[in-house]
PDB file of N, CA and C in Angstrom:
ATOM      1  N   MET A   1      18.474  -6.853 -11.384  1.00  0.00           N
ATOM      2  CA  MET A   1      17.706  -5.683 -11.137  1.00  0.00           C
ATOM      3  C   MET A   1      16.640  -6.155  -9.827  1.00  0.00           C
ATOM      4  N   ASP A   2      16.541  -5.284  -9.026  1.00  0.00           N
ATOM      5  CA  ASP A   2      15.753  -5.335  -7.928  1.00  0.00           C
ATOM      6  C   ASP A   2      14.756  -4.791  -7.846  1.00  0.00           C
ATOM      7  N   LYS A   3      13.382  -5.069  -7.283  1.00  0.00           N
ATOM      8  CA  LYS A   3      12.208  -4.413  -7.041  1.00  0.00           C
ATOM      9  C   LYS A   3      11.292  -4.411  -5.950  1.00  0.00           C
ATOM     10  N   THR A   4      10.918  -3.386  -5.436  1.00  0.00           N
ATOM     11  CA  THR A   4      10.302  -3.402  -3.765  1.00  0.00           C
ATOM     12  C   THR A   4       9.007  -3.238  -4.157  1.00  0.00           C
ATOM     13  N   VAL A   5       7.894  -4.032  -3.880  1.00  0.00           N
ATOM     14  CA  VAL A   5       6.741  -3.751  -3.952  1.00  0.00           C
ATOM     15  C   VAL A   5       5.723  -3.797  -2.548  1.00  0.00           C
ATOM     16  N   MET A   6       4.778  -3.184  -2.270  1.00  0.00           N
ATOM     17  CA  MET A   6       4.003  -3.314  -1.148  1.00  0.00           C
ATOM     18  C   MET A   6       2.542  -3.593  -1.473  1.00  0.00           C
ATOM     19  N   LEU A   7       2.173  -4.665  -1.330  1.00  0.00           N
ATOM     20  CA  LEU A   7       0.390  -4.654  -1.305  1.00  0.00           C
ATOM     21  C   LEU A   7      -0.065  -4.440  -0.180  1.00  0.00           C
ATOM     22  N   VAL A   8      -1.142  -3.819  -0.052  1.00  0.00           N
ATOM     23  CA  VAL A   8      -2.042  -3.316   1.088  1.00  0.00           C
ATOM     24  C   VAL A   8      -3.203  -3.559   0.825  1.00  0.00           C
ATOM     25  N   LEU A   9      -3.813  -4.516   1.625  1.00  0.00           N
ATOM     26  CA  LEU A   9      -5.445  -4.874   1.672  1.00  0.00           C
ATOM     27  C   LEU A   9      -6.106  -4.121   2.913  1.00  0.00           C
ATOM     28  N   ILE A  10      -7.265  -3.395   2.225  1.00  0.00           N
ATOM     29  CA  ILE A  10      -7.965  -2.571   2.889  1.00  0.00           C
ATOM     30  C   ILE A  10      -9.611  -3.498   3.201  1.00  0.00           C
ATOM     31  N   LYS A  11      -9.741  -3.539   4.602  1.00  0.00           N
ATOM     32  CA  LYS A  11     -10.885  -4.292   4.579  1.00  0.00           C
ATOM     33  C   LYS A  11     -12.402  -3.218   4.410  1.00  0.00           C
ATOM     34  N   SER A  12     -12.040  -2.235   5.145  1.00  0.00           N
ATOM     35  CA  SER A  12     -13.080  -1.258   4.996  1.00  0.00           C
ATOM     36  C   SER A  12     -12.590   0.356   4.531  1.00  0.00           C
ATOM     37  N   ARG A  13     -12.736   0.338   3.461  1.00  0.00           N
ATOM     38  CA  ARG A  13     -12.291   1.720   2.743  1.00  0.00           C
ATOM     39  C   ARG A  13     -12.901   3.197   3.322  1.00  0.00           C
ATOM     40  N   LYS A  14     -14.131   2.815   3.728  1.00  0.00           N
ATOM     41  CA  LYS A  14     -14.885   4.173   3.976  1.00  0.00           C
ATOM     42  C   LYS A  14     -14.107   4.377   5.537  1.00  0.00           C
ATOM     43  N   ASP A  15     -13.853   3.593   6.301  1.00  0.00           N
ATOM     44  CA  ASP A  15     -13.568   3.862   7.701  1.00  0.00           C
ATOM     45  C   ASP A  15     -11.793   4.217   7.840  1.00  0.00           C
ATOM     46  N   THR A  16     -11.140   3.513   6.851  1.00  0.00           N
ATOM     47  CA  THR A  16      -9.643   3.712   6.927  1.00  0.00           C
ATOM     48  C   THR A  16      -8.982   4.333   5.945  1.00  0.00           C
ATOM     49  N   ALA A  17      -9.334   4.837   4.887  1.00  0.00           N
ATOM     50  CA  ALA A  17      -9.075   5.599   3.381  1.00  0.00           C
ATOM     51  C   ALA A  17      -8.462   6.530   4.127  1.00  0.00           C
ATOM     52  N   GLY A  18      -9.083   7.493   4.635  1.00  0.00           N
ATOM     53  CA  GLY A  18      -8.354   8.775   5.503  1.00  0.00           C
ATOM     54  C   GLY A  18      -6.988   8.693   6.077  1.00  0.00           C
ATOM     55  N   LYS A  19      -7.037   7.642   6.841  1.00  0.00           N
ATOM     56  CA  LYS A  19      -5.749   7.120   7.805  1.00  0.00           C
ATOM     57  C   LYS A  19      -4.572   6.429   6.468  1.00  0.00           C
ATOM     58  N   VAL A  20      -5.220   5.734   5.528  1.00  0.00           N
ATOM     59  CA  VAL A  20      -4.173   5.035   4.797  1.00  0.00           C
ATOM     60  C   VAL A  20      -3.495   6.294   4.085  1.00  0.00           C
ATOM     61  N   GLN A  21      -4.236   7.248   3.461  1.00  0.00           N
ATOM     62  CA  GLN A  21      -3.817   8.336   2.584  1.00  0.00           C
ATOM     63  C   GLN A  21      -2.888   9.081   3.381  1.00  0.00           C
ATOM     64  N   SER A  22      -2.941   9.565   4.530  1.00  0.00           N
ATOM     65  CA  SER A  22      -2.185  10.237   5.544  1.00  0.00           C
ATOM     66  C   SER A  22      -0.729   9.706   5.673  1.00  0.00           C
ATOM     67  N   ILE A  23      -0.903   8.443   5.723  1.00  0.00           N
ATOM     68  CA  ILE A  23       0.683   7.726   5.893  1.00  0.00           C
ATOM     69  C   ILE A  23       1.200   7.653   4.385  1.00  0.00           C
ATOM     70  N   LEU A  24       0.417   7.265   3.033  1.00  0.00           N
ATOM     71  CA  LEU A  24       1.035   7.482   2.259  1.00  0.00           C
ATOM     72  C   LEU A  24       1.880   8.533   1.659  1.00  0.00           C
ATOM     73  N   THR A  25       0.697   9.749   2.011  1.00  0.00           N
ATOM     74  CA  THR A  25       1.351  10.938   1.900  1.00  0.00           C
ATOM     75  C   THR A  25       2.534  11.276   2.416  1.00  0.00           C
ATOM     76  N   ALA A  26       2.523  11.101   3.645  1.00  0.00           N
ATOM     77  CA  ALA A  26       3.760  11.207   4.335  1.00  0.00           C
ATOM     78  C   ALA A  26       4.949  10.545   3.833  1.00  0.00           C
ATOM     79  N   TRP A  27       4.980   9.288   3.162  1.00  0.00           N
ATOM     80  CA  TRP A  27       5.964   8.590   2.993  1.00  0.00           C
ATOM     81  C   TRP A  27       6.011   8.822   1.286  1.00  0.00           C
ATOM     82  N   GLY A  28       5.265   9.586   0.574  1.00  0.00           N
ATOM     83  CA  GLY A  28       5.204   9.691  -0.891  1.00  0.00           C
ATOM     84  C   GLY A  28       6.264   9.661  -1.510  1.00  0.00           C
ATOM     85  N   CYS A  29       7.437  10.420  -1.066  1.00  0.00           N
ATOM     86  CA  CYS A  29       8.622  10.328  -1.948  1.00  0.00           C
ATOM     87  C   CYS A  29       9.442   8.710  -2.045  1.00  0.00           C
ATOM     88  N   HIS A  30       8.941   8.123  -1.288  1.00  0.00           N
ATOM     89  CA  HIS A  30       9.266   6.460  -1.483  1.00  0.00           C
ATOM     90  C   HIS A  30       8.346   5.675  -2.349  1.00  0.00           C
ATOM     91  N   ILE A  31       7.285   6.330  -2.877  1.00  0.00           N
ATOM     92  CA  ILE A  31       6.519   5.731  -3.903  1.00  0.00           C
ATOM     93  C   ILE A  31       6.448   6.081  -5.107  1.00  0.00           C
ATOM     94  N   ARG A  32       6.965   5.020  -5.881  1.00  0.00           N
ATOM     95  CA  ARG A  32       7.041   5.595  -7.420  1.00  0.00           C
ATOM     96  C   ARG A  32       5.895   5.293  -8.218  1.00  0.00           C
ATOM     97  N   THR A  33       5.143   4.032  -7.873  1.00  0.00           N
ATOM     98  CA  THR A  33       4.059   3.830  -8.881  1.00  0.00           C
ATOM     99  C   THR A  33       2.911   3.263  -7.264  1.00  0.00           C
ATOM    100  N   ARG A  34       1.877   3.886  -7.799  1.00  0.00           N
ATOM    101  CA  ARG A  34       0.310   3.587  -7.103  1.00  0.00           C
ATOM    102  C   ARG A  34      -0.681   2.846  -7.453  1.00  0.00           C
ATOM    103  N   LEU A  35      -1.345   2.065  -7.434  1.00  0.00           N
ATOM    104  CA  LEU A  35      -2.510   1.584  -8.042  1.00  0.00           C
ATOM    105  C   LEU A  35      -3.344   1.060  -7.129  1.00  0.00           C
ATOM    106  N   GLY A  36      -4.619   1.665  -7.000  1.00  0.00           N
ATOM    107  CA  GLY A  36      -5.481   1.184  -6.209  1.00  0.00           C
ATOM    108  C   GLY A  36      -6.583   0.501  -7.023  1.00  0.00           C
ATOM    109  N   LEU A  37      -7.221  -0.353  -6.185  1.00  0.00           N
ATOM    110  CA  LEU A  37      -8.284  -1.490  -7.001  1.00  0.00           C
ATOM    111  C   LEU A  37      -9.098  -1.808  -5.908  1.00  0.00           C
ATOM    112  N   HIS A  38     -10.506  -1.826  -6.853  1.00  0.00           N
ATOM    113  CA  HIS A  38     -11.579  -2.157  -5.949  1.00  0.00           C
ATOM    114  C   HIS A  38     -12.930  -2.380  -6.733  1.00  0.00           C
ATOM    115  N   GLY A  39     -13.580  -3.394  -6.280  1.00  0.00           N
ATOM    116  CA  GLY A  39     -14.749  -4.111  -7.122  1.00  0.00           C
ATOM    117  C   GLY A  39     -16.015  -2.963  -7.199  1.00  0.00           C
ATOM    118  N   GLY A  40     -16.445  -3.092  -8.010  1.00  0.00           N
ATOM    119  CA  GLY A  40     -17.594  -2.489  -8.301  1.00  0.00           C
ATOM    120  C   GLY A  40     -17.764  -1.003  -8.974  1.00  0.00           C
ATOM    121  N   THR A  41     -18.650  -0.331  -9.158  1.00  0.00           N
ATOM    122  CA  THR A  41     -18.786   1.102  -9.630  1.00  0.00           C
ATOM    123  C   THR A  41     -20.000   1.824  -8.967  1.00  0.00           C
ATOM    124  N   LEU A  42     -20.102   3.045  -8.999  1.00  0.00           N
ATOM    125  CA  LEU A  42     -20.790   3.769  -8.559  1.00  0.00           C
ATOM    126  C   LEU A  42     -21.809   3.477  -7.517  1.00  0.00           C
ATOM    127  N   ASP A  43     -23.035   3.067  -7.433  1.00  0.00           N
ATOM    128  CA  ASP A  43     -23.923   2.585  -6.487  1.00  0.00           C
ATOM    129  C   ASP A  43     -23.220   1.166  -5.575  1.00  0.00           C
ATOM    130  N   GLN A  44     -22.692   0.431  -6.716  1.00  0.00           N
ATOM    131  CA  GLN A  44     -22.380  -0.845  -6.306  1.00  0.00           C
ATOM    132  C   GLN A  44     -20.902  -1.007  -5.681  1.00  0.00           C
ATOM    133  N   CYS A  45     -20.134   0.117  -5.336  1.00  0.00           N
ATOM    134  CA  CYS A  45     -18.954   0.201  -4.981  1.00  0.00           C
ATOM    135  C   CYS A  45     -18.572  -0.511  -3.754  1.00  0.00           C
ATOM    136  N   THR A  46     -17.686  -1.548  -3.782  1.00  0.00           N
ATOM    137  CA  THR A  46     -17.218  -2.531  -2.530  1.00  0.00           C
ATOM    138  C   THR A  46     -16.382  -1.650  -1.691  1.00  0.00           C
ATOM    139  N   ASP A  47     -16.560  -1.844  -0.391  1.00  0.00           N
ATOM    140  CA  ASP A  47     -15.970  -1.361   0.803  1.00  0.00           C
ATOM    141  C   ASP A  47     -14.419  -1.870   0.996  1.00  0.00           C
ATOM    142  N   ASP A  48     -13.997  -2.927   0.347  1.00  0.00           N
ATOM    143  CA  ASP A  48     -12.497  -3.334   0.454  1.00  0.00           C
ATOM    144  C   ASP A  48     -11.857  -3.041  -0.631  1.00  0.00           C
ATOM    145  N   GLY A  49     -10.613  -2.898  -0.587  1.00  0.00           N
ATOM    146  CA  GLY A  49      -9.631  -2.842  -1.721  1.00  0.00           C
ATOM    147  C   GLY A  49      -8.378  -2.971  -1.475  1.00  0.00           C
ATOM    148  N   LEU A  50      -7.661  -2.885  -2.616  1.00  0.00           N
ATOM    149  CA  LEU A  50      -6.125  -3.692  -2.741  1.00  0.00           C
ATOM    150  C   LEU A  50      -5.104  -2.335  -3.386  1.00  0.00           C
ATOM    151  N   LEU A  51      -4.223  -2.133  -2.406  1.00  0.00           N
ATOM    152  CA  LEU A  51      -3.358  -1.181  -2.964  1.00  0.00           C
ATOM    153  C   LEU A  51      -1.996  -2.050  -3.567  1.00  0.00           C
ATOM    154  N   PHE A  52      -1.436  -1.524  -4.938  1.00  0.00           N
ATOM    155  CA  PHE A  52      -0.014  -1.956  -5.051  1.00  0.00           C
ATOM    156  C   PHE A  52       0.778  -0.582  -5.214  1.00  0.00           C
ATOM    157  N   LEU A  53       1.836  -0.715  -4.645  1.00  0.00           N
ATOM    158  CA  LEU A  53       3.000   0.485  -4.478  1.00  0.00           C
ATOM    159  C   LEU A  53       4.593  -0.293  -4.856  1.00  0.00           C
ATOM    160  N   GLU A  54       4.780   0.421  -5.563  1.00  0.00           N
ATOM    161  CA  GLU A  54       6.150   0.309  -6.068  1.00  0.00           C
ATOM    162  C   GLU A  54       7.081   1.129  -5.299  1.00  0.00           C
ATOM    163  N   LEU A  55       8.118   0.698  -4.718  1.00  0.00           N
ATOM    164  CA  LEU A  55       8.554   1.338  -3.901  1.00  0.00           C
ATOM    165  C   LEU A  55      10.029   1.818  -4.324  1.00  0.00           C
ATOM    166  N   VAL A  56      10.931   2.972  -3.663  1.00  0.00           N
ATOM    167  CA  VAL A  56      12.213   3.015  -4.164  1.00  0.00           C
ATOM    168  C   VAL A  56      12.790   3.430  -2.773  1.00  0.00           C
ATOM    169  N   GLY A  57      14.065   3.886  -2.751  1.00  0.00           N
ATOM    170  CA  GLY A  57      14.828   3.973  -1.539  1.00  0.00           C
ATOM    171  C   GLY A  57      15.064   3.015  -0.303  1.00  0.00           C
ATOM    172  N   PRO A  58      15.442   3.187   0.742  1.00  0.00           N
ATOM    173  CA  PRO A  58      15.936   2.170   1.468  1.00  0.00           C
ATOM    174  C   PRO A  58      15.037   1.383   2.031  1.00  0.00           C
ATOM    175  N   ALA A  59      15.324   0.227   2.061  1.00  0.00           N
ATOM    176  CA  ALA A  59      14.557  -0.918   2.775  1.00  0.00           C
ATOM    177  C   ALA A  59      13.988  -0.674   4.183  1.00  0.00           C
ATOM    178  N   ASP A  60      14.910  -0.088   5.051  1.00  0.00           N
ATOM    179  CA  ASP A  60      14.267   0.098   6.329  1.00  0.00           C
ATOM    180  C   ASP A  60      12.997   1.232   6.536  1.00  0.00           C
ATOM    181  N   ARG A  61      12.967   2.304   5.336  1.00  0.00           N
ATOM    182  CA  ARG A  61      12.103   3.285   5.367  1.00  0.00           C
ATOM    183  C   ARG A  61      10.905   2.482   4.757  1.00  0.00           C
ATOM    184  N   HIS A  62      11.076   1.408   3.704  1.00  0.00           N
ATOM    185  CA  HIS A  62       9.826   0.514   3.364  1.00  0.00           C
ATOM    186  C   HIS A  62       9.296  -0.327   4.363  1.00  0.00           C
ATOM    187  N   GLU A  63      10.081  -0.800   5.545  1.00  0.00           N
ATOM    188  CA  GLU A  63       9.572  -1.426   6.347  1.00  0.00           C
ATOM    189  C   GLU A  63       8.897  -0.624   7.640  1.00  0.00           C
ATOM    190  N   GLU A  64       9.300   0.472   7.862  1.00  0.00           N
ATOM    191  CA  GLU A  64       8.491   1.312   8.680  1.00  0.00           C
ATOM    192  C   GLU A  64       7.198   1.887   8.005  1.00  0.00           C
ATOM    193  N   MET A  65       7.293   1.914   6.942  1.00  0.00           N
ATOM    194  CA  MET A  65       5.757   2.339   6.401  1.00  0.00           C
ATOM    195  C   MET A  65       4.956   1.191   6.417  1.00  0.00           C
ATOM    196  N   ALA A  66       5.331   0.117   6.462  1.00  0.00           N
ATOM    197  CA  ALA A  66       4.501  -1.189   6.326  1.00  0.00           C
ATOM    198  C   ALA A  66       3.951  -1.135   7.931  1.00  0.00           C
ATOM    199  N   ARG A  67       4.776  -1.190   8.553  1.00  0.00           N
ATOM    200  CA  ARG A  67       4.667  -1.081   9.970  1.00  0.00           C
ATOM    201  C   ARG A  67       3.722  -0.035  10.603  1.00  0.00           C
ATOM    202  N   LYS A  68       3.941   1.001  10.230  1.00  0.00           N
ATOM    203  CA  LYS A  68       2.581   2.299  10.578  1.00  0.00           C
ATOM    204  C   LYS A  68       1.199   1.549   9.813  1.00  0.00           C
ATOM    205  N   LEU A  69       1.342   1.136   8.421  1.00  0.00           N
ATOM    206  CA  LEU A  69       0.194   0.947   7.867  1.00  0.00           C
ATOM    207  C   LEU A  69      -0.701  -0.495   8.607  1.00  0.00           C
ATOM    208  N   ASN A  70       0.124  -1.351   9.277  1.00  0.00           N
ATOM    209  CA  ASN A  70      -0.164  -2.563   9.911  1.00  0.00           C
ATOM    210  C   ASN A  70      -1.030  -2.341  10.975  1.00  0.00           C
ATOM    211  N   LEU A  71      -0.455  -1.266  11.670  1.00  0.00           N
ATOM    212  CA  LEU A  71      -1.134  -0.473  13.147  1.00  0.00           C
ATOM    213  C   LEU A  71      -2.804  -0.233  12.933  1.00  0.00           C
ATOM    214  N   LEU A  72      -2.745   0.070  11.679  1.00  0.00           N
ATOM    215  CA  LEU A  72      -4.399   0.271  11.414  1.00  0.00           C
ATOM    216  C   LEU A  72      -5.376  -0.621  11.217  1.00  0.00           C
ATOM    217  N   PRO A  73      -6.598  -0.557  12.164  1.00  0.00           N
ATOM    218  CA  PRO A  73      -7.364  -1.797  12.396  1.00  0.00           C
ATOM    219  C   PRO A  73      -8.052  -2.051  10.675  1.00  0.00           C
ATOM    220  N   GLY A  74      -7.994  -3.226  10.256  1.00  0.00           N
ATOM    221  CA  GLY A  74      -8.898  -3.491   8.802  1.00  0.00           C
ATOM    222  C   GLY A  74      -7.668  -3.066   7.931  1.00  0.00           C
ATOM    223  N   VAL A  75      -6.293  -2.912   7.968  1.00  0.00           N
ATOM    224  CA  VAL A  75      -5.203  -2.743   7.036  1.00  0.00           C
ATOM    225  C   VAL A  75      -4.280  -4.028   7.261  1.00  0.00           C
ATOM    226  N   ARG A  76      -3.842  -4.692   6.028  1.00  0.00           N
ATOM    227  CA  ARG A  76      -2.645  -5.565   6.090  1.00  0.00           C
ATOM    228  C   ARG A  76      -1.538  -5.176   5.161  1.00  0.00           C
ATOM    229  N   ALA A  77      -0.591  -4.634   5.343  1.00  0.00           N
ATOM    230  CA  ALA A  77       0.621  -4.454   4.218  1.00  0.00           C
ATOM    231  C   ALA A  77       1.603  -5.508   4.376  1.00  0.00           C
ATOM    232  N   GLU A  78       1.987  -5.670   3.032  1.00  0.00           N
ATOM    233  CA  GLU A  78       2.922  -6.800   2.744  1.00  0.00           C
ATOM    234  C   GLU A  78       4.124  -6.446   1.981  1.00  0.00           C
ATOM    235  N   LEU A  79       5.318  -6.362   2.258  1.00  0.00           N
ATOM    236  CA  LEU A  79       6.499  -6.023   1.558  1.00  0.00           C
ATOM    237  C   LEU A  79       6.897  -7.341   0.743  1.00  0.00           C
ATOM    238  N   VAL A  80       7.179  -6.951  -0.672  1.00  0.00           N
ATOM    239  CA  VAL A  80       7.469  -8.193  -1.365  1.00  0.00           C
ATOM    240  C   VAL A  80       8.998  -7.819  -2.450  1.00  0.00           C
ATOM    241  N   ARG A  81      10.030  -8.528  -2.230  1.00  0.00           N
ATOM    242  CA  ARG A  81      11.327  -8.136  -2.767  1.00  0.00           C
ATOM    243  C   ARG A  81      11.647  -9.081  -3.866  1.00  0.00           C
ATOM    244  N   LEU A  82      11.729  -8.527  -5.074  1.00  0.00           N
ATOM    245  CA  LEU A  82      11.754  -9.431  -6.263  1.00  0.00           C
ATOM    246  C   LEU A  82      13.224  -9.063  -6.782  1.00  0.00           C
ATOM    247  N   SER A  83      14.401 -10.098  -7.231  1.00  0.00           N
ATOM    248  CA  SER A  83      15.397  -9.805  -8.070  1.00  0.00           C
ATOM    249  C   SER A  83      15.376 -10.733  -8.881  1.00  0.00           C
ATOM    250  N   VAL A  84      16.178 -10.326 -10.148  1.00  0.00           N
ATOM    251  CA  VAL A  84      16.402 -11.392 -11.319  1.00  0.00           C
ATOM    252  C   VAL A  84      17.847 -11.039 -11.514  1.00  0.00           C
ATOM    253  N   ALA A  85      18.671 -12.328 -11.439  1.00  0.00           N
ATOM    254  CA  ALA A  85      20.122 -11.967 -11.939  1.00  0.00           C
ATOM    255  C   ALA A  85      20.583 -11.716 -12.992  1.00  0.00           C
ATOM    256  N   ASP A  86      21.588 -10.789 -13.318  1.00  0.00           N
ATOM    257  CA  ASP A  86      22.178 -10.215 -14.238  1.00  0.00           C
ATOM    258  C   ASP A  86      22.599 -11.310 -15.327  1.00  0.00           C
TER     259      ASP A  86
END
């Protein structure tokens, strides 16, 4: 069994969330699961965040999505590929 996930660290959500969302929407067919995490609530909401994406499809598409996200200032995307032998 193989799984590919992408972790995306966002430094300034208020400044970059729209651009990140646009990229994720364009690559939506390659995202099986998306989980967004950030600290705080209501008026104490933090401006940084972490996205966890479970990806499907060809590896070259995952790499291209990560490359596009990494072009954004204050955004860092890393691919993680995990496998377990049968």
